[in-house]
Amino acid sequence: MGQLDVIIVEGRNLKQKDTFSENDAYVKIYFDDKSQKQKSKTIQNSNNPKWNQSFVFNHLTGQDTLYIDIYDKDSVKDEKIGSIHIDLHDLYNK
């Protein structure tokens, strides 16, 4: 088992989900099994949020994909702005 350090720096030109204001954006980060899900702070009223947050995962081999989802926080239901899936398989061989 190894450790994976992830730094979420910023989002640029995020698609605006709110009608009357900019996004209240946050990030969820997790592996395939979602057992180590972590969440960033929420940056209010910005389509170009700067998180500059570090996350540490006790990475288990066999979990080959890191998921990063960006959401707009709303009072009723949070809306997904976008996502990326990163294949970590090549890291195992280094």
PDB file of N, CA and C in Angstrom:
ATOM      1  N   MET A   1       0.851  -1.175   0.000  1.00  0.00           N
ATOM      2  CA  MET A   1       0.000   0.000   0.000  1.00  0.00           C
ATOM      3  C   MET A   1       0.891   1.230   0.000  1.00  0.00           C
ATOM      4  N   GLY A   2       0.556   2.200  -0.837  1.00  0.00           N
ATOM      5  CA  GLY A   2       1.312   3.431  -0.906  1.00  0.00           C
ATOM      6  C   GLY A   2       0.450   4.624  -0.559  1.00  0.00           C
ATOM      7  N   GLN A   3       1.070   5.771  -0.547  1.00  0.00           N
ATOM      8  CA  GLN A   3       0.372   7.016  -0.254  1.00  0.00           C
ATOM      9  C   GLN A   3       0.323   7.859  -1.517  1.00  0.00           C
ATOM     10  N   LEU A   4      -0.813   8.462  -1.776  1.00  0.00           N
ATOM     11  CA  LEU A   4      -0.975   9.348  -2.923  1.00  0.00           C
ATOM     12  C   LEU A   4      -1.330  10.737  -2.406  1.00  0.00           C
ATOM     13  N   ASP A   5      -0.527  11.734  -2.776  1.00  0.00           N
ATOM     14  CA  ASP A   5      -0.800  13.128  -2.429  1.00  0.00           C
ATOM     15  C   ASP A   5      -1.404  13.813  -3.644  1.00  0.00           C
ATOM     16  N   VAL A   6      -2.544  14.457  -3.454  1.00  0.00           N
ATOM     17  CA  VAL A   6      -3.249  15.152  -4.532  1.00  0.00           C
ATOM     18  C   VAL A   6      -3.390  16.613  -4.129  1.00  0.00           C
ATOM     19  N   ILE A   7      -3.040  17.513  -5.038  1.00  0.00           N
ATOM     20  CA  ILE A   7      -3.210  18.944  -4.792  1.00  0.00           C
ATOM     21  C   ILE A   7      -4.215  19.480  -5.808  1.00  0.00           C
ATOM     22  N   ILE A   8      -5.301  20.036  -5.302  1.00  0.00           N
ATOM     23  CA  ILE A   8      -6.291  20.689  -6.153  1.00  0.00           C
ATOM     24  C   ILE A   8      -5.963  22.176  -6.118  1.00  0.00           C
ATOM     25  N   VAL A   9      -5.531  22.706  -7.244  1.00  0.00           N
ATOM     26  CA  VAL A   9      -5.056  24.087  -7.296  1.00  0.00           C
ATOM     27  C   VAL A   9      -6.202  25.046  -7.614  1.00  0.00           C
ATOM     28  N   GLU A  10      -6.807  24.892  -8.796  1.00  0.00           N
ATOM     29  CA  GLU A  10      -7.818  25.862  -9.209  1.00  0.00           C
ATOM     30  C   GLU A  10      -8.700  25.295 -10.313  1.00  0.00           C
ATOM     31  N   GLY A  11      -9.784  25.989 -10.559  1.00  0.00           N
ATOM     32  CA  GLY A  11     -10.639  25.736 -11.710  1.00  0.00           C
ATOM     33  C   GLY A  11     -10.661  26.996 -12.556  1.00  0.00           C
ATOM     34  N   ARG A  12     -10.743  26.828 -13.861  1.00  0.00           N
ATOM     35  CA  ARG A  12     -10.747  27.991 -14.754  1.00  0.00           C
ATOM     36  C   ARG A  12     -11.965  27.958 -15.658  1.00  0.00           C
ATOM     37  N   ASN A  13     -12.628  29.087 -15.729  1.00  0.00           N
ATOM     38  CA  ASN A  13     -13.775  29.264 -16.635  1.00  0.00           C
ATOM     39  C   ASN A  13     -14.798  28.139 -16.490  1.00  0.00           C
ATOM     40  N   LEU A  14     -15.177  27.839 -15.245  1.00  0.00           N
ATOM     41  CA  LEU A  14     -16.169  26.794 -15.020  1.00  0.00           C
ATOM     42  C   LEU A  14     -17.514  27.221 -15.588  1.00  0.00           C
ATOM     43  N   LYS A  15     -18.237  26.255 -16.116  1.00  0.00           N
ATOM     44  CA  LYS A  15     -19.564  26.530 -16.655  1.00  0.00           C
ATOM     45  C   LYS A  15     -20.466  27.002 -15.522  1.00  0.00           C
ATOM     46  N   GLN A  16     -21.112  28.133 -15.728  1.00  0.00           N
ATOM     47  CA  GLN A  16     -21.964  28.709 -14.692  1.00  0.00           C
ATOM     48  C   GLN A  16     -23.259  27.923 -14.574  1.00  0.00           C
ATOM     49  N   LYS A  17     -23.572  27.467 -13.358  1.00  0.00           N
ATOM     50  CA  LYS A  17     -24.784  26.697 -13.109  1.00  0.00           C
ATOM     51  C   LYS A  17     -25.880  27.535 -12.465  1.00  0.00           C
ATOM     52  N   ASP A  18     -25.500  28.631 -11.792  1.00  0.00           N
ATOM     53  CA  ASP A  18     -26.487  29.487 -11.142  1.00  0.00           C
ATOM     54  C   ASP A  18     -26.998  30.539 -12.118  1.00  0.00           C
ATOM     55  N   THR A  19     -28.253  30.920 -11.953  1.00  0.00           N
ATOM     56  CA  THR A  19     -28.865  31.901 -12.841  1.00  0.00           C
ATOM     57  C   THR A  19     -28.434  33.325 -12.511  1.00  0.00           C
ATOM     58  N   PHE A  20     -28.389  33.641 -11.225  1.00  0.00           N
ATOM     59  CA  PHE A  20     -28.170  35.033 -10.823  1.00  0.00           C
ATOM     60  C   PHE A  20     -26.798  35.310 -10.218  1.00  0.00           C
ATOM     61  N   SER A  21     -25.976  34.297 -10.077  1.00  0.00           N
ATOM     62  CA  SER A  21     -24.636  34.505  -9.518  1.00  0.00           C
ATOM     63  C   SER A  21     -23.693  33.456 -10.084  1.00  0.00           C
ATOM     64  N   GLU A  22     -22.420  33.600  -9.748  1.00  0.00           N
ATOM     65  CA  GLU A  22     -21.446  32.611 -10.191  1.00  0.00           C
ATOM     66  C   GLU A  22     -21.505  31.387  -9.279  1.00  0.00           C
ATOM     67  N   ASN A  23     -20.744  30.368  -9.624  1.00  0.00           N
ATOM     68  CA  ASN A  23     -20.774  29.103  -8.885  1.00  0.00           C
ATOM     69  C   ASN A  23     -20.226  29.244  -7.470  1.00  0.00           C
ATOM     70  N   ASP A  24     -20.709  28.375  -6.595  1.00  0.00           N
ATOM     71  CA  ASP A  24     -20.135  28.145  -5.271  1.00  0.00           C
ATOM     72  C   ASP A  24     -19.500  26.762  -5.368  1.00  0.00           C
ATOM     73  N   ALA A  25     -18.274  26.725  -5.859  1.00  0.00           N
ATOM     74  CA  ALA A  25     -17.666  25.473  -6.320  1.00  0.00           C
ATOM     75  C   ALA A  25     -16.883  24.742  -5.233  1.00  0.00           C
ATOM     76  N   TYR A  26     -17.011  23.412  -5.273  1.00  0.00           N
ATOM     77  CA  TYR A  26     -16.190  22.537  -4.442  1.00  0.00           C
ATOM     78  C   TYR A  26     -15.866  21.278  -5.230  1.00  0.00           C
ATOM     79  N   VAL A  27     -14.894  20.511  -4.729  1.00  0.00           N
ATOM     80  CA  VAL A  27     -14.405  19.319  -5.421  1.00  0.00           C
ATOM     81  C   VAL A  27     -14.561  18.102  -4.525  1.00  0.00           C
ATOM     82  N   LYS A  28     -14.993  16.985  -5.111  1.00  0.00           N
ATOM     83  CA  LYS A  28     -14.987  15.683  -4.444  1.00  0.00           C
ATOM     84  C   LYS A  28     -13.943  14.821  -5.140  1.00  0.00           C
ATOM     85  N   ILE A  29     -13.125  14.127  -4.340  1.00  0.00           N
ATOM     86  CA  ILE A  29     -12.049  13.292  -4.872  1.00  0.00           C
ATOM     87  C   ILE A  29     -12.195  11.905  -4.267  1.00  0.00           C
ATOM     88  N   TYR A  30     -12.103  10.862  -5.093  1.00  0.00           N
ATOM     89  CA  TYR A  30     -12.281   9.503  -4.582  1.00  0.00           C
ATOM     90  C   TYR A  30     -11.748   8.481  -5.574  1.00  0.00           C
ATOM     91  N   PHE A  31     -11.614   7.241  -5.080  1.00  0.00           N
ATOM     92  CA  PHE A  31     -11.225   6.108  -5.916  1.00  0.00           C
ATOM     93  C   PHE A  31     -12.458   5.306  -6.304  1.00  0.00           C
ATOM     94  N   ASP A  32     -12.237   4.225  -7.050  1.00  0.00           N
ATOM     95  CA  ASP A  32     -13.322   3.385  -7.554  1.00  0.00           C
ATOM     96  C   ASP A  32     -14.335   2.997  -6.480  1.00  0.00           C
ATOM     97  N   ASP A  33     -13.851   2.595  -5.308  1.00  0.00           N
ATOM     98  CA  ASP A  33     -14.763   2.072  -4.284  1.00  0.00           C
ATOM     99  C   ASP A  33     -15.357   3.159  -3.383  1.00  0.00           C
ATOM    100  N   LYS A  34     -14.976   4.396  -3.550  1.00  0.00           N
ATOM    101  CA  LYS A  34     -15.487   5.559  -2.813  1.00  0.00           C
ATOM    102  C   LYS A  34     -15.240   5.491  -1.307  1.00  0.00           C
ATOM    103  N   SER A  35     -14.373   4.604  -0.851  1.00  0.00           N
ATOM    104  CA  SER A  35     -14.149   4.461   0.587  1.00  0.00           C
ATOM    105  C   SER A  35     -13.315   5.598   1.167  1.00  0.00           C
ATOM    106  N   GLN A  36     -12.564   6.293   0.367  1.00  0.00           N
ATOM    107  CA  GLN A  36     -11.705   7.373   0.852  1.00  0.00           C
ATOM    108  C   GLN A  36     -12.125   8.723   0.270  1.00  0.00           C
ATOM    109  N   LYS A  37     -13.404   8.934   0.113  1.00  0.00           N
ATOM    110  CA  LYS A  37     -13.891  10.168  -0.507  1.00  0.00           C
ATOM    111  C   LYS A  37     -13.508  11.376   0.351  1.00  0.00           C
ATOM    112  N   GLN A  38     -12.987  12.417  -0.311  1.00  0.00           N
ATOM    113  CA  GLN A  38     -12.633  13.659   0.366  1.00  0.00           C
ATOM    114  C   GLN A  38     -13.241  14.832  -0.396  1.00  0.00           C
ATOM    115  N   LYS A  39     -13.405  15.945   0.306  1.00  0.00           N
ATOM    116  CA  LYS A  39     -14.086  17.103  -0.268  1.00  0.00           C
ATOM    117  C   LYS A  39     -13.301  18.372   0.055  1.00  0.00           C
ATOM    118  N   SER A  40     -13.210  19.258  -0.928  1.00  0.00           N
ATOM    119  CA  SER A  40     -12.518  20.537  -0.733  1.00  0.00           C
ATOM    120  C   SER A  40     -13.437  21.529  -0.024  1.00  0.00           C
ATOM    121  N   LYS A  41     -12.860  22.663   0.321  1.00  0.00           N
ATOM    122  CA  LYS A  41     -13.672  23.774   0.818  1.00  0.00           C
ATOM    123  C   LYS A  41     -14.481  24.334  -0.357  1.00  0.00           C
ATOM    124  N   THR A  42     -15.550  25.034  -0.062  1.00  0.00           N
ATOM    125  CA  THR A  42     -16.383  25.668  -1.082  1.00  0.00           C
ATOM    126  C   THR A  42     -15.898  27.095  -1.303  1.00  0.00           C
ATOM    127  N   ILE A  43     -15.666  27.442  -2.565  1.00  0.00           N
ATOM    128  CA  ILE A  43     -15.284  28.808  -2.930  1.00  0.00           C
ATOM    129  C   ILE A  43     -16.544  29.508  -3.434  1.00  0.00           C
ATOM    130  N   GLN A  44     -16.961  30.517  -2.705  1.00  0.00           N
ATOM    131  CA  GLN A  44     -18.216  31.205  -2.998  1.00  0.00           C
ATOM    132  C   GLN A  44     -18.102  32.132  -4.207  1.00  0.00           C
ATOM    133  N   ASN A  45     -19.142  32.117  -5.024  1.00  0.00           N
ATOM    134  CA  ASN A  45     -19.362  33.107  -6.076  1.00  0.00           C
ATOM    135  C   ASN A  45     -18.165  33.305  -7.009  1.00  0.00           C
ATOM    136  N   SER A  46     -17.680  32.197  -7.602  1.00  0.00           N
ATOM    137  CA  SER A  46     -16.538  32.290  -8.524  1.00  0.00           C
ATOM    138  C   SER A  46     -16.601  31.186  -9.570  1.00  0.00           C
ATOM    139  N   ASN A  47     -16.403  31.561 -10.819  1.00  0.00           N
ATOM    140  CA  ASN A  47     -16.260  30.576 -11.889  1.00  0.00           C
ATOM    141  C   ASN A  47     -14.792  30.262 -12.154  1.00  0.00           C
ATOM    142  N   ASN A  48     -13.906  30.867 -11.365  1.00  0.00           N
ATOM    143  CA  ASN A  48     -12.461  30.625 -11.431  1.00  0.00           C
ATOM    144  C   ASN A  48     -11.924  30.391 -10.012  1.00  0.00           C
ATOM    145  N   PRO A  49     -12.430  29.368  -9.334  1.00  0.00           N
ATOM    146  CA  PRO A  49     -12.065  29.161  -7.923  1.00  0.00           C
ATOM    147  C   PRO A  49     -10.613  28.729  -7.757  1.00  0.00           C
ATOM    148  N   LYS A  50     -10.019  29.172  -6.653  1.00  0.00           N
ATOM    149  CA  LYS A  50      -8.656  28.776  -6.286  1.00  0.00           C
ATOM    150  C   LYS A  50      -8.745  28.067  -4.939  1.00  0.00           C
ATOM    151  N   TRP A  51      -8.540  26.754  -4.960  1.00  0.00           N
ATOM    152  CA  TRP A  51      -8.624  25.963  -3.734  1.00  0.00           C
ATOM    153  C   TRP A  51      -7.263  25.863  -3.042  1.00  0.00           C
ATOM    154  N   ASN A  52      -6.226  25.529  -3.786  1.00  0.00           N
ATOM    155  CA  ASN A  52      -4.889  25.312  -3.220  1.00  0.00           C
ATOM    156  C   ASN A  52      -4.949  24.407  -1.991  1.00  0.00           C
ATOM    157  N   GLN A  53      -5.595  23.256  -2.146  1.00  0.00           N
ATOM    158  CA  GLN A  53      -5.750  22.308  -1.049  1.00  0.00           C
ATOM    159  C   GLN A  53      -5.053  21.000  -1.368  1.00  0.00           C
ATOM    160  N   SER A  54      -4.461  20.418  -0.337  1.00  0.00           N
ATOM    161  CA  SER A  54      -3.784  19.122  -0.467  1.00  0.00           C
ATOM    162  C   SER A  54      -4.617  18.041   0.202  1.00  0.00           C
ATOM    163  N   PHE A  55      -4.606  16.868  -0.410  1.00  0.00           N
ATOM    164  CA  PHE A  55      -5.318  15.708   0.115  1.00  0.00           C
ATOM    165  C   PHE A  55      -4.373  14.519   0.097  1.00  0.00           C
ATOM    166  N   VAL A  56      -4.447  13.694   1.122  1.00  0.00           N
ATOM    167  CA  VAL A  56      -3.608  12.503   1.215  1.00  0.00           C
ATOM    168  C   VAL A  56      -4.518  11.286   1.209  1.00  0.00           C
ATOM    169  N   PHE A  57      -4.173  10.331   0.358  1.00  0.00           N
ATOM    170  CA  PHE A  57      -4.910   9.073   0.274  1.00  0.00           C
ATOM    171  C   PHE A  57      -3.960   7.931   0.587  1.00  0.00           C
ATOM    172  N   ASN A  58      -4.407   7.014   1.420  1.00  0.00           N
ATOM    173  CA  ASN A  58      -3.686   5.761   1.611  1.00  0.00           C
ATOM    174  C   ASN A  58      -4.112   4.879   0.459  1.00  0.00           C
ATOM    175  N   HIS A  59      -3.346   4.967  -0.597  1.00  0.00           N
ATOM    176  CA  HIS A  59      -3.736   4.374  -1.876  1.00  0.00           C
ATOM    177  C   HIS A  59      -3.521   2.868  -1.875  1.00  0.00           C
ATOM    178  N   LEU A  60      -4.552   2.148  -2.186  1.00  0.00           N
ATOM    179  CA  LEU A  60      -4.484   0.696  -2.259  1.00  0.00           C
ATOM    180  C   LEU A  60      -4.252   0.278  -3.698  1.00  0.00           C
ATOM    181  N   THR A  61      -3.295  -0.593  -3.932  1.00  0.00           N
ATOM    182  CA  THR A  61      -3.100  -1.085  -5.297  1.00  0.00           C
ATOM    183  C   THR A  61      -4.355  -1.825  -5.721  1.00  0.00           C
ATOM    184  N   GLY A  62      -4.638  -1.747  -6.967  1.00  0.00           N
ATOM    185  CA  GLY A  62      -5.869  -2.327  -7.488  1.00  0.00           C
ATOM    186  C   GLY A  62      -6.929  -1.271  -7.726  1.00  0.00           C
ATOM    187  N   GLN A  63      -6.770  -0.105  -7.109  1.00  0.00           N
ATOM    188  CA  GLN A  63      -7.675   1.010  -7.363  1.00  0.00           C
ATOM    189  C   GLN A  63      -6.990   1.899  -8.391  1.00  0.00           C
ATOM    190  N   ASP A  64      -7.299   1.673  -9.624  1.00  0.00           N
ATOM    191  CA  ASP A  64      -6.525   2.273 -10.710  1.00  0.00           C
ATOM    192  C   ASP A  64      -7.044   3.607 -11.217  1.00  0.00           C
ATOM    193  N   THR A  65      -8.169   4.078 -10.715  1.00  0.00           N
ATOM    194  CA  THR A  65      -8.738   5.315 -11.235  1.00  0.00           C
ATOM    195  C   THR A  65      -9.017   6.285 -10.100  1.00  0.00           C
ATOM    196  N   LEU A  66      -8.563   7.526 -10.274  1.00  0.00           N
ATOM    197  CA  LEU A  66      -8.873   8.607  -9.343  1.00  0.00           C
ATOM    198  C   LEU A  66      -9.958   9.464  -9.993  1.00  0.00           C
ATOM    199  N   TYR A  67     -11.029   9.712  -9.264  1.00  0.00           N
ATOM    200  CA  TYR A  67     -12.153  10.498  -9.762  1.00  0.00           C
ATOM    201  C   TYR A  67     -12.130  11.873  -9.099  1.00  0.00           C
ATOM    202  N   ILE A  68     -12.293  12.905  -9.904  1.00  0.00           N
ATOM    203  CA  ILE A  68     -12.376  14.272  -9.400  1.00  0.00           C
ATOM    204  C   ILE A  68     -13.631  14.898 -10.005  1.00  0.00           C
ATOM    205  N   ASP A  69     -14.577  15.242  -9.145  1.00  0.00           N
ATOM    206  CA  ASP A  69     -15.839  15.843  -9.575  1.00  0.00           C
ATOM    207  C   ASP A  69     -15.934  17.252  -9.007  1.00  0.00           C
ATOM    208  N   ILE A  70     -16.396  18.193  -9.822  1.00  0.00           N
ATOM    209  CA  ILE A  70     -16.588  19.573  -9.379  1.00  0.00           C
ATOM    210  C   ILE A  70     -18.088  19.849  -9.327  1.00  0.00           C
ATOM    211  N   TYR A  71     -18.523  20.437  -8.210  1.00  0.00           N
ATOM    212  CA  TYR A  71     -19.934  20.729  -7.990  1.00  0.00           C
ATOM    213  C   TYR A  71     -20.150  22.199  -7.679  1.00  0.00           C
ATOM    214  N   ASP A  72     -21.372  22.655  -7.966  1.00  0.00           N
ATOM    215  CA  ASP A  72     -21.853  23.962  -7.537  1.00  0.00           C
ATOM    216  C   ASP A  72     -22.780  23.716  -6.352  1.00  0.00           C
ATOM    217  N   LYS A  73     -22.441  24.276  -5.198  1.00  0.00           N
ATOM    218  CA  LYS A  73     -23.251  24.083  -3.997  1.00  0.00           C
ATOM    219  C   LYS A  73     -24.489  24.961  -4.076  1.00  0.00           C
ATOM    220  N   ASP A  74     -25.643  24.335  -3.887  1.00  0.00           N
ATOM    221  CA  ASP A  74     -26.919  25.040  -3.877  1.00  0.00           C
ATOM    222  C   ASP A  74     -27.703  24.639  -2.639  1.00  0.00           C
ATOM    223  N   SER A  75     -28.680  25.455  -2.277  1.00  0.00           N
ATOM    224  CA  SER A  75     -29.449  25.185  -1.064  1.00  0.00           C
ATOM    225  C   SER A  75     -30.336  23.952  -1.198  1.00  0.00           C
ATOM    226  N   VAL A  76     -30.837  23.664  -2.392  1.00  0.00           N
ATOM    227  CA  VAL A  76     -31.711  22.505  -2.578  1.00  0.00           C
ATOM    228  C   VAL A  76     -30.922  21.276  -2.999  1.00  0.00           C
ATOM    229  N   LYS A  77     -30.227  21.352  -4.125  1.00  0.00           N
ATOM    230  CA  LYS A  77     -29.453  20.213  -4.630  1.00  0.00           C
ATOM    231  C   LYS A  77     -28.209  20.728  -5.347  1.00  0.00           C
ATOM    232  N   ASP A  78     -27.062  20.169  -4.989  1.00  0.00           N
ATOM    233  CA  ASP A  78     -25.813  20.550  -5.644  1.00  0.00           C
ATOM    234  C   ASP A  78     -25.796  20.018  -7.074  1.00  0.00           C
ATOM    235  N   GLU A  79     -25.259  20.830  -7.988  1.00  0.00           N
ATOM    236  CA  GLU A  79     -25.204  20.448  -9.401  1.00  0.00           C
ATOM    237  C   GLU A  79     -23.768  20.143  -9.810  1.00  0.00           C
ATOM    238  N   LYS A  80     -23.595  19.065 -10.571  1.00  0.00           N
ATOM    239  CA  LYS A  80     -22.263  18.733 -11.072  1.00  0.00           C
ATOM    240  C   LYS A  80     -21.899  19.679 -12.208  1.00  0.00           C
ATOM    241  N   ILE A  81     -20.709  20.275 -12.095  1.00  0.00           N
ATOM    242  CA  ILE A  81     -20.190  21.162 -13.135  1.00  0.00           C
ATOM    243  C   ILE A  81     -19.373  20.362 -14.140  1.00  0.00           C
ATOM    244  N   GLY A  82     -18.580  19.440 -13.635  1.00  0.00           N
ATOM    245  CA  GLY A  82     -17.739  18.637 -14.512  1.00  0.00           C
ATOM    246  C   GLY A  82     -16.975  17.593 -13.723  1.00  0.00           C
ATOM    247  N   SER A  83     -16.253  16.749 -14.439  1.00  0.00           N
ATOM    248  CA  SER A  83     -15.485  15.695 -13.772  1.00  0.00           C
ATOM    249  C   SER A  83     -14.331  15.248 -14.659  1.00  0.00           C
ATOM    250  N   ILE A  84     -13.381  14.596 -14.004  1.00  0.00           N
ATOM    251  CA  ILE A  84     -12.267  13.979 -14.716  1.00  0.00           C
ATOM    252  C   ILE A  84     -11.946  12.674 -14.012  1.00  0.00           C
ATOM    253  N   HIS A  85     -11.560  11.688 -14.782  1.00  0.00           N
ATOM    254  CA  HIS A  85     -11.131  10.391 -14.248  1.00  0.00           C
ATOM    255  C   HIS A  85      -9.690  10.194 -14.689  1.00  0.00           C
ATOM    256  N   ILE A  86      -8.813   9.930 -13.721  1.00  0.00           N
ATOM    257  CA  ILE A  86      -7.387   9.802 -14.013  1.00  0.00           C
ATOM    258  C   ILE A  86      -6.948   8.369 -13.782  1.00  0.00           C
ATOM    259  N   ASP A  87      -6.423   7.739 -14.826  1.00  0.00           N
ATOM    260  CA  ASP A  87      -5.913   6.368 -14.734  1.00  0.00           C
ATOM    261  C   ASP A  87      -4.549   6.402 -14.061  1.00  0.00           C
ATOM    262  N   LEU A  88      -4.433   5.743 -12.913  1.00  0.00           N
ATOM    263  CA  LEU A  88      -3.186   5.752 -12.144  1.00  0.00           C
ATOM    264  C   LEU A  88      -2.325   4.524 -12.392  1.00  0.00           C
ATOM    265  N   HIS A  89      -2.695   3.697 -13.325  1.00  0.00           N
ATOM    266  CA  HIS A  89      -1.996   2.435 -13.563  1.00  0.00           C
ATOM    267  C   HIS A  89      -0.503   2.638 -13.797  1.00  0.00           C
ATOM    268  N   ASP A  90      -0.136   3.673 -14.557  1.00  0.00           N
ATOM    269  CA  ASP A  90       1.281   3.911 -14.858  1.00  0.00           C
ATOM    270  C   ASP A  90       2.096   4.258 -13.612  1.00  0.00           C
ATOM    271  N   LEU A  91       1.466   4.816 -12.579  1.00  0.00           N
ATOM    272  CA  LEU A  91       2.189   5.139 -11.348  1.00  0.00           C
ATOM    273  C   LEU A  91       2.686   3.890 -10.636  1.00  0.00           C
ATOM    274  N   TYR A  92       1.962   2.798 -10.772  1.00  0.00           N
ATOM    275  CA  TYR A  92       2.338   1.556 -10.091  1.00  0.00           C
ATOM    276  C   TYR A  92       3.653   1.008 -10.625  1.00  0.00           C
ATOM    277  N   ASN A  93       3.967   1.306 -11.867  1.00  0.00           N
ATOM    278  CA  ASN A  93       5.147   0.743 -12.509  1.00  0.00           C
ATOM    279  C   ASN A  93       6.387   1.622 -12.357  1.00  0.00           C
ATOM    280  N   LYS A  94       6.294   2.699 -11.590  1.00  0.00           N
ATOM    281  CA  LYS A  94       7.444   3.607 -11.431  1.00  0.00           C
ATOM    282  C   LYS A  94       8.085   3.423 -10.082  1.00  0.00           C
TER     283      LYS A  94
END
